[in-house]
Amino acid sequence: MRRKFALVSALSTLLTVFLLGIPLIVYARYAHLAQADHDAVMQAQTLATLTRESAESGTGQLRTWIAEQQSNVRATVVMPSGARYGAAVPCLPQPDPDRPGDLEQWTCNGARVASLAVAVPGGNAQIDVAVDSAGANDATLRVVAALAGSAVVLPAVAVVFADRLARSVVRTAGELTEVAASLRQGRLEARYGGNGPRELQQLGVTLNALAARIGALVTNERESLADLSHRLRTPITSLMLQAEALKEQPGAERLLSSLTELNGEVTRVIRHARKPIVSEGGLTARLDAVVSERVAFWAVLAEEQGRACELTIRDPDCQVYVPQAELEAAVDVLLENVFTHTPETAGMRIAVRALAGGGAELTLDDDGPGFADHRVVERGRSTEGSSGLGLDIARRTATISGGRLVLSAAPSGGARVTMVFGGPAGSRRATCRTSAPPPPESRAAAAAAPDPDEAPGAQAPR
């Protein structure tokens, strides 16, 4: 912005010098020529007075005056007797005045000439005075040189003042940008408190009010979530007591273990709702590491169900613009959908790769019957009695990072879910260190892949 301010100031000053300089140059030349005309007339009139006096008293005074004239003034007097005083004025044939006292002016060989006839004893004396106007060119060049100097100095001065003005604007805009970036990163306590132009200060006040409003809304939402989660403790505790009373019954231990795990999940939800908004892991995460960790977590269940679970990391060390906790939740949603909505023996394949134009992609294929309705990605849409939020959570995670979620068919005929993630903030590109050869496919859990013909009917929307 400072550069633009300086450029606009310099161009504006140059344009001003140019627009004022052309009339000034024309006026300077015109003024010099007008002054030459005035000098020629005055000299001719003065010489006419001396001529009349010299005709009566002698020509000594006339000769002295003509000799004392400047080098750019040439004067000549022709008496009625034919006597000539002074150097002749070289010119075209000079017009004769009609009567004594008439004054004629013209331009001759770059000189401004004034011709006058004056009555003296014995007839009329002819007076010619020429003033060299060549100095007009020199005066014009001096004006041009002065304007050229102004065209150099004035824009430089304008740039200095514009930079000082722009510095305060840029500094204030930078402070506002820092506050906005802090809010974007979840630091809702960030506020603008700087000085600057009144308009930007008003923007800062509005930004502070917006941050305060967002903070209040987020705090209320998180407290409401924590309160709702806390209400689940009573029925869960009741169920745990009942399960402990049924310890002697078959499956009681498993039920009690599940309830204990559910109680732990509720506790984690409450803690998560009340911890600071800013993620401890920052705003980026390694896609390959998160996917590997979550696939390893679900591999135990896959092995138990006899699912083939293959993981391929084509490009390692991919940083994507998603907090790690949110990325883990999105990957868990995709994997959980496979376990929930496909037959137990249906295999799945997970691949992570970098995109040529920047970004990273996660692809999950399964051997189920596929999607019956691609609109299942819409929030709350489900035909299996579930909340219908899973794929919407994954979609929002990909979209917020600058990517997208795409549903399609896998080569095996099952479902394919593709999540494209944007890179770290600023570059909006995933930073991936691509390995020379693609690494071999690693199986998180291996089991015999089922025959697709043995799979049950259409896969339910997720």
Protein backbone atom coordinates (compact mmCIF):
# COMPACT_ATOMS: atom_id res chain seq x y z
CA MET A 1 0.00 0.00 0.00
CA ARG A 2 2.83 2.39 0.81
CA ARG A 3 4.29 1.76 -2.62
CA LYS A 4 0.96 2.56 -4.26
CA PHE A 5 0.62 5.76 -2.22
CA ALA A 6 4.12 6.82 -3.31
CA LEU A 7 3.47 5.92 -6.95
CA VAL A 8 0.17 7.84 -7.07
CA SER A 9 1.78 10.88 -5.42
CA ALA A 10 4.72 10.85 -7.83
CA LEU A 11 2.50 10.49 -10.89
CA SER A 12 0.12 13.20 -9.66
CA THR A 13 3.00 15.61 -9.09
CA LEU A 14 4.51 14.86 -12.50
CA LEU A 15 1.15 15.42 -14.15
CA THR A 16 0.76 18.73 -12.31
CA VAL A 17 4.23 19.89 -13.39
CA PHE A 18 3.47 18.87 -16.96
CA LEU A 19 0.08 20.62 -17.09
CA LEU A 20 1.47 23.80 -15.56
CA GLY A 21 4.78 23.67 -17.42
CA ILE A 22 3.43 23.84 -20.98
CA PRO A 23 1.50 27.11 -20.47
CA LEU A 24 4.46 28.48 -18.50
CA ILE A 25 6.87 27.77 -21.36
CA VAL A 26 4.53 29.40 -23.89
CA TYR A 27 4.04 32.42 -21.63
CA ALA A 28 7.78 32.81 -21.01
CA ARG A 29 8.48 32.95 -24.74
CA TYR A 30 5.60 35.33 -25.39
CA ALA A 31 6.66 37.62 -22.53
CA HIS A 32 10.23 37.80 -23.84
CA LEU A 33 9.05 38.75 -27.37
CA ALA A 34 6.64 41.31 -25.97
CA GLN A 35 9.46 42.82 -23.96
CA ALA A 36 11.59 43.03 -27.14
CA ASP A 37 8.75 44.85 -28.93
CA HIS A 38 8.39 47.24 -26.02
CA ASP A 39 12.14 47.91 -25.92
CA ALA A 40 12.24 48.58 -29.69
CA VAL A 41 9.37 51.10 -29.46
CA MET A 42 10.86 52.89 -26.44
CA GLN A 43 14.29 53.07 -28.05
CA ALA A 44 12.80 54.39 -31.29
CA GLN A 45 10.85 57.11 -29.45
CA THR A 46 13.91 58.10 -27.41
CA LEU A 47 16.00 58.24 -30.56
CA ALA A 48 13.36 60.41 -32.26
CA THR A 49 13.65 62.99 -29.46
CA LEU A 50 17.47 62.98 -29.70
CA THR A 51 17.27 63.31 -33.47
CA ARG A 52 15.17 66.46 -33.27
CA GLU A 53 17.51 67.94 -30.67
CA SER A 54 20.61 66.96 -32.67
CA ALA A 55 19.22 68.54 -35.82
CA GLU A 56 19.28 71.88 -34.03
CA SER A 57 22.40 71.54 -31.86
CA GLY A 58 24.61 69.03 -33.70
CA THR A 59 24.84 65.28 -34.02
CA GLY A 60 27.41 64.59 -31.29
CA GLN A 61 24.82 63.64 -28.73
CA LEU A 62 23.11 61.34 -31.28
CA ARG A 63 26.34 59.50 -32.10
CA THR A 64 27.12 59.01 -28.38
CA TRP A 65 23.70 57.55 -27.61
CA ILE A 66 23.85 55.08 -30.51
CA ALA A 67 27.34 53.93 -29.52
CA GLU A 68 26.30 53.30 -25.92
CA GLN A 69 23.45 50.88 -26.77
CA GLN A 70 23.65 47.25 -25.75
CA SER A 71 24.88 44.61 -28.15
CA ASN A 72 21.39 43.28 -28.80
CA VAL A 73 20.10 46.71 -29.88
CA ARG A 74 20.94 48.12 -33.30
CA ALA A 75 19.81 51.63 -34.22
CA THR A 76 20.24 53.72 -37.33
CA VAL A 77 19.20 57.28 -38.20
CA VAL A 78 19.03 58.57 -41.78
CA MET A 79 18.90 62.36 -41.97
CA PRO A 80 17.16 64.21 -44.85
CA SER A 81 20.57 65.04 -46.22
CA GLY A 82 21.36 61.32 -46.57
CA ALA A 83 23.77 61.22 -43.61
CA ARG A 84 23.53 57.89 -41.72
CA TYR A 85 24.31 57.43 -38.07
CA GLY A 86 24.70 53.93 -36.59
CA ALA A 87 24.86 50.52 -38.25
CA ALA A 88 22.23 49.72 -40.81
CA VAL A 89 19.47 47.40 -39.72
CA PRO A 90 19.70 44.37 -42.04
CA CYS A 91 16.22 43.54 -43.12
CA LEU A 92 13.77 43.39 -45.93
CA PRO A 93 12.99 46.68 -47.66
CA GLN A 94 11.70 48.86 -44.88
CA PRO A 95 8.30 50.42 -45.26
CA ASP A 96 8.24 54.19 -45.32
CA PRO A 97 5.95 55.78 -42.76
CA ASP A 98 3.06 57.67 -44.36
CA ARG A 99 3.69 60.78 -42.30
CA PRO A 100 6.01 61.92 -39.53
CA GLY A 101 5.18 60.39 -36.17
CA ASP A 102 3.80 57.10 -37.55
CA LEU A 103 5.35 53.99 -36.01
CA GLU A 104 5.74 50.70 -37.84
CA GLN A 105 6.71 47.37 -36.22
CA TRP A 106 7.71 44.06 -37.79
CA THR A 107 9.96 41.08 -37.34
CA CYS A 108 13.15 40.83 -39.34
CA ASN A 109 15.70 38.00 -39.18
CA GLY A 110 14.83 37.13 -35.57
CA ALA A 111 14.80 40.76 -34.46
CA ARG A 112 11.87 42.93 -33.42
CA VAL A 113 12.09 46.18 -35.45
CA ALA A 114 10.47 49.54 -34.85
CA SER A 115 10.61 52.20 -37.63
CA LEU A 116 9.70 55.87 -37.12
CA ALA A 117 9.85 59.05 -39.22
CA VAL A 118 10.44 62.30 -37.41
CA ALA A 119 10.24 65.80 -38.85
CA VAL A 120 13.47 67.81 -38.69
CA PRO A 121 14.57 70.98 -40.47
CA GLY A 122 15.02 70.12 -44.14
CA GLY A 123 12.68 67.07 -44.21
CA ASN A 124 12.01 63.80 -42.43
CA ALA A 125 14.62 61.69 -40.63
CA GLN A 126 14.16 57.91 -40.79
CA ILE A 127 14.79 56.04 -37.49
CA ASP A 128 15.10 52.24 -37.31
CA VAL A 129 15.68 50.29 -34.08
CA ALA A 130 16.11 46.47 -34.00
CA VAL A 131 16.12 44.48 -30.77
CA ASP A 132 17.48 40.94 -31.04
CA SER A 133 14.86 38.41 -29.87
CA ALA A 134 17.19 35.41 -29.91
CA GLY A 135 17.25 35.62 -26.13
CA ALA A 136 13.67 34.30 -26.15
CA ASN A 137 15.03 30.87 -26.96
CA ASP A 138 17.49 31.07 -24.09
CA ALA A 139 14.74 32.19 -21.72
CA THR A 140 12.55 29.32 -22.87
CA LEU A 141 15.38 26.84 -22.28
CA ARG A 142 15.90 28.23 -18.77
CA VAL A 143 12.23 27.71 -18.00
CA VAL A 144 12.36 24.19 -19.39
CA ALA A 145 15.44 23.43 -17.27
CA ALA A 146 13.69 24.79 -14.17
CA LEU A 147 10.63 22.65 -14.90
CA ALA A 148 12.81 19.58 -15.44
CA GLY A 149 14.42 20.15 -12.06
CA SER A 150 10.98 20.56 -10.53
CA ALA A 151 9.88 17.32 -12.17
CA VAL A 152 12.67 15.57 -10.28
CA VAL A 153 12.55 17.35 -6.94
CA LEU A 154 8.81 17.82 -6.45
CA PRO A 155 7.84 14.13 -6.99
CA ALA A 156 10.60 13.10 -4.58
CA VAL A 157 9.24 15.48 -1.95
CA ALA A 158 5.68 14.26 -2.65
CA VAL A 159 6.80 10.64 -2.24
CA VAL A 160 8.37 11.42 1.14
CA PHE A 161 5.21 13.09 2.46
CA ALA A 162 2.95 10.39 0.95
CA ASP A 163 5.05 7.67 2.55
CA ARG A 164 4.75 9.31 5.95
CA LEU A 165 0.99 9.52 5.48
CA ALA A 166 0.70 5.97 4.19
CA ARG A 167 2.86 4.61 7.01
CA SER A 168 0.23 5.42 9.61
CA VAL A 169 -2.52 3.92 7.43
CA VAL A 170 -0.50 0.76 6.73
CA ARG A 171 0.48 0.38 10.38
CA THR A 172 -3.15 0.64 11.47
CA ALA A 173 -4.28 -1.77 8.75
CA GLY A 174 -1.55 -4.21 9.84
CA GLU A 175 -2.75 -4.06 13.44
CA LEU A 176 -6.31 -4.75 12.31
CA THR A 177 -5.07 -7.67 10.21
CA GLU A 178 -3.22 -9.12 13.21
CA VAL A 179 -6.36 -8.90 15.32
CA ALA A 180 -8.43 -10.56 12.60
CA ALA A 181 -5.81 -13.31 12.22
CA SER A 182 -5.85 -13.91 15.99
CA LEU A 183 -9.63 -14.20 15.95
CA ARG A 184 -9.39 -16.60 13.03
CA GLN A 185 -7.03 -18.76 15.07
CA GLY A 186 -9.50 -18.87 17.95
CA ARG A 187 -7.93 -16.26 20.22
CA LEU A 188 -11.18 -14.44 20.87
CA GLU A 189 -9.60 -12.22 23.52
CA ALA A 190 -7.64 -10.34 20.84
CA ARG A 191 -8.63 -6.68 20.56
CA TYR A 192 -7.59 -3.65 18.53
CA GLY A 193 -6.26 -0.76 20.61
CA GLY A 194 -4.07 1.23 18.24
CA ASN A 195 -4.29 4.72 16.77
CA GLY A 196 -4.69 5.78 13.19
CA PRO A 197 -7.12 7.41 10.75
CA ARG A 198 -10.60 7.88 12.12
CA GLU A 199 -12.18 5.53 9.56
CA LEU A 200 -9.82 2.69 10.48
CA GLN A 201 -10.36 3.35 14.18
CA GLN A 202 -14.10 2.94 13.61
CA LEU A 203 -13.37 -0.33 11.84
CA GLY A 204 -11.29 -1.42 14.83
CA VAL A 205 -14.12 -0.61 17.24
CA THR A 206 -16.53 -2.63 15.11
CA LEU A 207 -14.06 -5.52 14.97
CA ASN A 208 -13.71 -5.46 18.76
CA ALA A 209 -17.49 -5.54 19.16
CA LEU A 210 -17.72 -8.44 16.72
CA ALA A 211 -15.02 -10.36 18.62
CA ALA A 212 -16.82 -9.80 21.90
CA ARG A 213 -20.10 -10.99 20.41
CA ILE A 214 -18.52 -14.09 18.92
CA GLY A 215 -16.80 -14.85 22.23
CA ALA A 216 -20.09 -14.59 24.12
CA LEU A 217 -21.92 -16.83 21.63
CA VAL A 218 -19.16 -19.46 21.62
CA THR A 219 -18.97 -19.47 25.39
CA ASN A 220 -22.74 -19.95 25.68
CA GLU A 221 -22.70 -22.77 23.12
CA ARG A 222 -19.84 -24.58 24.83
CA GLU A 223 -21.42 -24.24 28.25
CA SER A 224 -24.71 -25.54 26.86
CA LEU A 225 -22.87 -28.52 25.36
CA ALA A 226 -21.12 -29.19 28.66
CA ASP A 227 -24.42 -28.96 30.56
CA LEU A 228 -26.20 -31.32 28.18
CA SER A 229 -23.34 -33.79 28.38
CA HIS A 230 -23.37 -33.58 32.15
CA ARG A 231 -27.06 -34.48 32.21
CA LEU A 232 -26.17 -37.82 30.64
CA ARG A 233 -24.22 -38.79 33.74
CA THR A 234 -27.37 -39.57 35.75
CA PRO A 235 -28.86 -42.19 33.39
CA ILE A 236 -25.40 -43.62 32.69
CA THR A 237 -24.69 -43.94 36.42
CA SER A 238 -28.06 -45.62 36.89
CA LEU A 239 -27.30 -48.09 34.13
CA MET A 240 -23.87 -48.81 35.62
CA LEU A 241 -25.45 -49.57 39.01
CA GLN A 242 -27.92 -51.91 37.39
CA ALA A 243 -25.14 -53.61 35.44
CA GLU A 244 -23.15 -54.13 38.66
CA ALA A 245 -26.22 -55.73 40.24
CA LEU A 246 -26.30 -58.17 37.34
CA LYS A 247 -22.65 -59.23 37.54
CA GLU A 248 -23.62 -62.88 37.77
CA GLN A 249 -25.55 -62.71 34.52
CA PRO A 250 -23.88 -63.59 31.18
CA GLY A 251 -22.58 -60.49 29.37
CA ALA A 252 -22.81 -58.29 32.46
CA GLU A 253 -19.09 -57.58 32.47
CA ARG A 254 -19.14 -56.56 28.84
CA LEU A 255 -22.13 -54.29 29.43
CA LEU A 256 -20.45 -52.71 32.44
CA SER A 257 -17.26 -52.17 30.42
CA SER A 258 -19.21 -50.48 27.64
CA LEU A 259 -21.00 -48.23 30.11
CA THR A 260 -17.69 -47.29 31.72
CA GLU A 261 -16.30 -46.41 28.30
CA LEU A 262 -19.42 -44.36 27.53
CA ASN A 263 -19.04 -42.49 30.82
CA GLY A 264 -15.44 -41.73 29.92
CA GLU A 265 -16.51 -40.38 26.53
CA VAL A 266 -19.04 -38.08 28.20
CA THR A 267 -16.30 -36.84 30.54
CA ARG A 268 -14.04 -36.12 27.57
CA VAL A 269 -16.86 -34.22 25.84
CA ILE A 270 -17.34 -32.04 28.92
CA ARG A 271 -13.61 -31.33 29.18
CA HIS A 272 -13.35 -30.59 25.49
CA ALA A 273 -16.28 -28.18 25.67
CA ARG A 274 -14.69 -26.20 28.49
CA LYS A 275 -11.09 -26.08 27.37
CA PRO A 276 -9.74 -23.03 25.43
CA ILE A 277 -10.87 -22.72 21.86
CA VAL A 278 -7.36 -22.57 20.46
CA SER A 279 -6.19 -26.05 19.67
CA GLU A 280 -3.08 -27.09 21.52
CA GLY A 281 -1.80 -28.68 18.35
CA GLY A 282 -2.23 -25.52 16.32
CA LEU A 283 -4.19 -25.13 13.12
CA THR A 284 -2.35 -27.72 11.05
CA ALA A 285 -1.83 -31.45 11.23
CA ARG A 286 -0.04 -34.20 9.33
CA LEU A 287 -2.66 -36.00 7.28
CA ASP A 288 -0.57 -39.12 6.76
CA ALA A 289 0.22 -39.46 10.48
CA VAL A 290 -3.38 -38.94 11.59
CA VAL A 291 -4.74 -41.40 9.03
CA SER A 292 -2.13 -44.01 9.98
CA GLU A 293 -2.97 -43.63 13.68
CA ARG A 294 -6.74 -43.86 13.19
CA VAL A 295 -6.51 -46.81 10.81
CA ALA A 296 -4.33 -48.64 13.35
CA PHE A 297 -6.99 -47.92 16.02
CA TRP A 298 -9.80 -49.38 13.91
CA ALA A 299 -7.66 -52.26 12.63
CA VAL A 300 -8.44 -54.37 15.69
CA LEU A 301 -12.15 -54.29 14.94
CA ALA A 302 -11.48 -54.86 11.24
CA GLU A 303 -9.47 -57.96 12.01
CA GLU A 304 -12.17 -59.23 14.32
CA GLN A 305 -14.79 -58.80 11.57
CA GLY A 306 -12.58 -60.27 8.87
CA ARG A 307 -12.28 -57.05 6.86
CA ALA A 308 -9.41 -56.38 4.50
CA CYS A 309 -8.06 -52.94 5.50
CA GLU A 310 -5.33 -51.53 3.30
CA LEU A 311 -3.53 -48.22 3.87
CA THR A 312 -1.38 -46.55 1.20
CA ILE A 313 0.67 -43.44 1.99
CA ARG A 314 1.86 -42.18 -1.39
CA ASP A 315 3.26 -38.84 -0.16
CA PRO A 316 4.50 -38.65 3.44
CA ASP A 317 4.65 -35.61 5.73
CA CYS A 318 1.59 -33.79 4.40
CA GLN A 319 0.67 -30.71 6.47
CA VAL A 320 -2.96 -29.71 6.00
CA TYR A 321 -4.88 -26.73 7.32
CA VAL A 322 -7.01 -28.60 9.87
CA PRO A 323 -6.49 -28.86 13.66
CA GLN A 324 -5.44 -32.37 14.59
CA ALA A 325 -8.48 -33.06 16.79
CA GLU A 326 -10.87 -32.10 14.01
CA LEU A 327 -8.92 -34.12 11.45
CA GLU A 328 -9.01 -37.18 13.69
CA ALA A 329 -12.77 -36.77 14.15
CA ALA A 330 -13.32 -36.50 10.39
CA VAL A 331 -11.23 -39.61 9.65
CA ASP A 332 -13.05 -41.53 12.40
CA VAL A 333 -16.37 -40.58 10.82
CA LEU A 334 -15.36 -42.10 7.48
CA LEU A 335 -14.03 -45.29 9.05
CA GLU A 336 -17.00 -45.67 11.37
CA ASN A 337 -19.39 -45.34 8.42
CA VAL A 338 -17.71 -48.30 6.76
CA PHE A 339 -18.06 -50.47 9.88
CA THR A 340 -21.65 -49.36 10.47
CA HIS A 341 -23.15 -49.45 6.98
CA THR A 342 -21.35 -52.30 5.18
CA PRO A 343 -21.29 -56.08 5.77
CA GLU A 344 -18.70 -57.24 8.30
CA THR A 345 -16.57 -58.92 5.64
CA ALA A 346 -16.52 -55.91 3.26
CA GLY A 347 -12.98 -54.66 2.82
CA MET A 348 -11.77 -51.09 2.56
CA ARG A 349 -8.81 -49.24 1.09
CA ILE A 350 -7.44 -45.92 2.33
CA ALA A 351 -4.98 -43.77 0.35
CA VAL A 352 -3.24 -40.45 1.10
CA ARG A 353 -1.55 -38.42 -1.61
CA ALA A 354 -0.48 -34.87 -2.46
CA LEU A 355 -2.17 -32.94 -5.25
CA ALA A 356 -0.18 -31.44 -8.09
CA GLY A 357 -1.76 -28.01 -7.71
CA GLY A 358 -1.26 -27.95 -3.94
CA GLY A 359 -3.27 -29.68 -1.25
CA ALA A 360 -3.66 -33.24 -0.03
CA GLU A 361 -6.28 -35.88 -0.69
CA LEU A 362 -7.67 -38.73 1.39
CA THR A 363 -9.56 -41.45 -0.49
CA LEU A 364 -11.52 -44.26 1.17
CA ASP A 365 -12.99 -47.11 -0.93
CA ASP A 366 -15.09 -49.95 0.48
CA ASP A 367 -16.48 -53.16 -0.97
CA GLY A 368 -20.02 -52.51 0.14
CA PRO A 369 -22.96 -51.96 -2.22
CA GLY A 370 -22.30 -48.20 -2.47
CA PHE A 371 -24.41 -45.14 -1.81
CA ALA A 372 -28.12 -45.39 -2.52
CA ASP A 373 -28.48 -41.59 -2.28
CA HIS A 374 -25.60 -39.13 -2.62
CA ARG A 375 -27.61 -36.55 -0.70
CA VAL A 376 -26.63 -38.30 2.53
CA VAL A 377 -23.89 -35.68 2.86
CA GLU A 378 -26.59 -33.15 3.76
CA ARG A 379 -26.81 -32.43 7.46
CA GLY A 380 -29.36 -34.60 9.29
CA ARG A 381 -30.25 -36.77 6.27
CA SER A 382 -30.31 -40.50 7.13
CA THR A 383 -32.62 -43.45 6.54
CA GLU A 384 -31.04 -45.78 9.09
CA GLY A 385 -32.08 -43.99 12.27
CA SER A 386 -28.67 -42.35 12.80
CA SER A 387 -28.16 -38.64 13.42
CA GLY A 388 -27.13 -37.98 9.83
CA LEU A 389 -24.29 -35.74 11.00
CA GLY A 390 -21.22 -37.87 10.26
CA LEU A 391 -20.60 -37.05 6.60
CA ASP A 392 -21.66 -33.45 7.18
CA ILE A 393 -18.94 -33.14 9.84
CA ALA A 394 -16.38 -34.52 7.39
CA ARG A 395 -17.65 -32.22 4.64
CA ARG A 396 -17.41 -29.11 6.83
CA THR A 397 -13.90 -30.07 7.96
CA ALA A 398 -12.74 -30.35 4.35
CA THR A 399 -14.54 -27.17 3.25
CA ILE A 400 -13.19 -25.00 6.07
CA SER A 401 -9.65 -26.05 5.14
CA GLY A 402 -10.24 -24.87 1.59
CA GLY A 403 -11.08 -28.30 0.16
CA ARG A 404 -14.18 -30.39 -0.47
CA LEU A 405 -15.80 -33.80 0.04
CA VAL A 406 -16.89 -35.87 -2.96
CA LEU A 407 -19.01 -39.04 -2.97
CA SER A 408 -18.63 -41.45 -5.88
CA ALA A 409 -18.44 -45.14 -6.75
CA ALA A 410 -15.35 -47.23 -6.05
CA PRO A 411 -13.87 -49.46 -8.77
CA SER A 412 -15.14 -52.50 -6.81
CA GLY A 413 -18.67 -51.17 -7.02
CA GLY A 414 -18.74 -49.95 -3.45
CA ALA A 415 -18.65 -46.44 -2.07
CA ARG A 416 -15.81 -43.99 -2.49
CA VAL A 417 -15.38 -40.93 -0.27
CA THR A 418 -12.75 -38.38 -1.31
CA MET A 419 -11.70 -35.60 1.05
CA VAL A 420 -9.54 -32.81 -0.36
CA PHE A 421 -7.78 -30.58 2.20
CA GLY A 422 -6.16 -27.20 1.79
CA GLY A 423 -2.60 -26.49 2.90
CA PRO A 424 -1.39 -24.36 5.83
CA ALA A 425 -2.73 -20.80 6.16
CA GLY A 426 -1.00 -18.24 3.97
CA SER A 427 0.08 -20.57 1.20
CA ARG A 428 -3.21 -22.53 1.13
CA ARG A 429 -1.20 -25.48 -0.06
CA ALA A 430 -0.37 -28.70 1.66
CA THR A 431 3.34 -29.03 2.30
CA CYS A 432 4.17 -32.54 1.21
CA ARG A 433 7.56 -34.12 0.81
CA THR A 434 7.01 -36.50 -2.05
CA SER A 435 8.99 -39.69 -1.97
CA ALA A 436 10.64 -40.92 -5.14
CA PRO A 437 8.87 -44.27 -5.45
CA PRO A 438 5.44 -44.77 -3.89
CA PRO A 439 5.76 -46.76 -0.67
CA PRO A 440 4.35 -50.26 -0.71
CA GLU A 441 0.84 -50.78 0.49
CA SER A 442 0.75 -51.56 4.18
CA ARG A 443 -2.04 -53.59 5.64
CA ALA A 444 -3.32 -52.38 8.96
CA ALA A 445 -5.29 -55.60 9.16
CA ALA A 446 -5.32 -58.40 6.64
CA ALA A 447 -8.07 -60.85 6.09
CA ALA A 448 -9.47 -62.65 3.16
CA ALA A 449 -11.50 -60.30 1.03
CA PRO A 450 -15.08 -61.42 0.65
CA ASP A 451 -16.66 -62.33 -2.64
CA PRO A 452 -18.61 -59.29 -3.82
CA ASP A 453 -21.42 -61.56 -4.95
CA GLU A 454 -21.95 -62.70 -1.33
CA ALA A 455 -22.50 -59.13 -0.05
CA PRO A 456 -26.04 -58.37 1.11
CA GLY A 457 -28.32 -55.84 -0.47
CA ALA A 458 -27.91 -52.10 -1.07
CA GLN A 459 -25.82 -50.11 1.35
CA ALA A 460 -27.86 -47.80 3.54
CA PRO A 461 -27.34 -44.06 3.39
CA ARG A 462 -24.88 -42.86 6.02
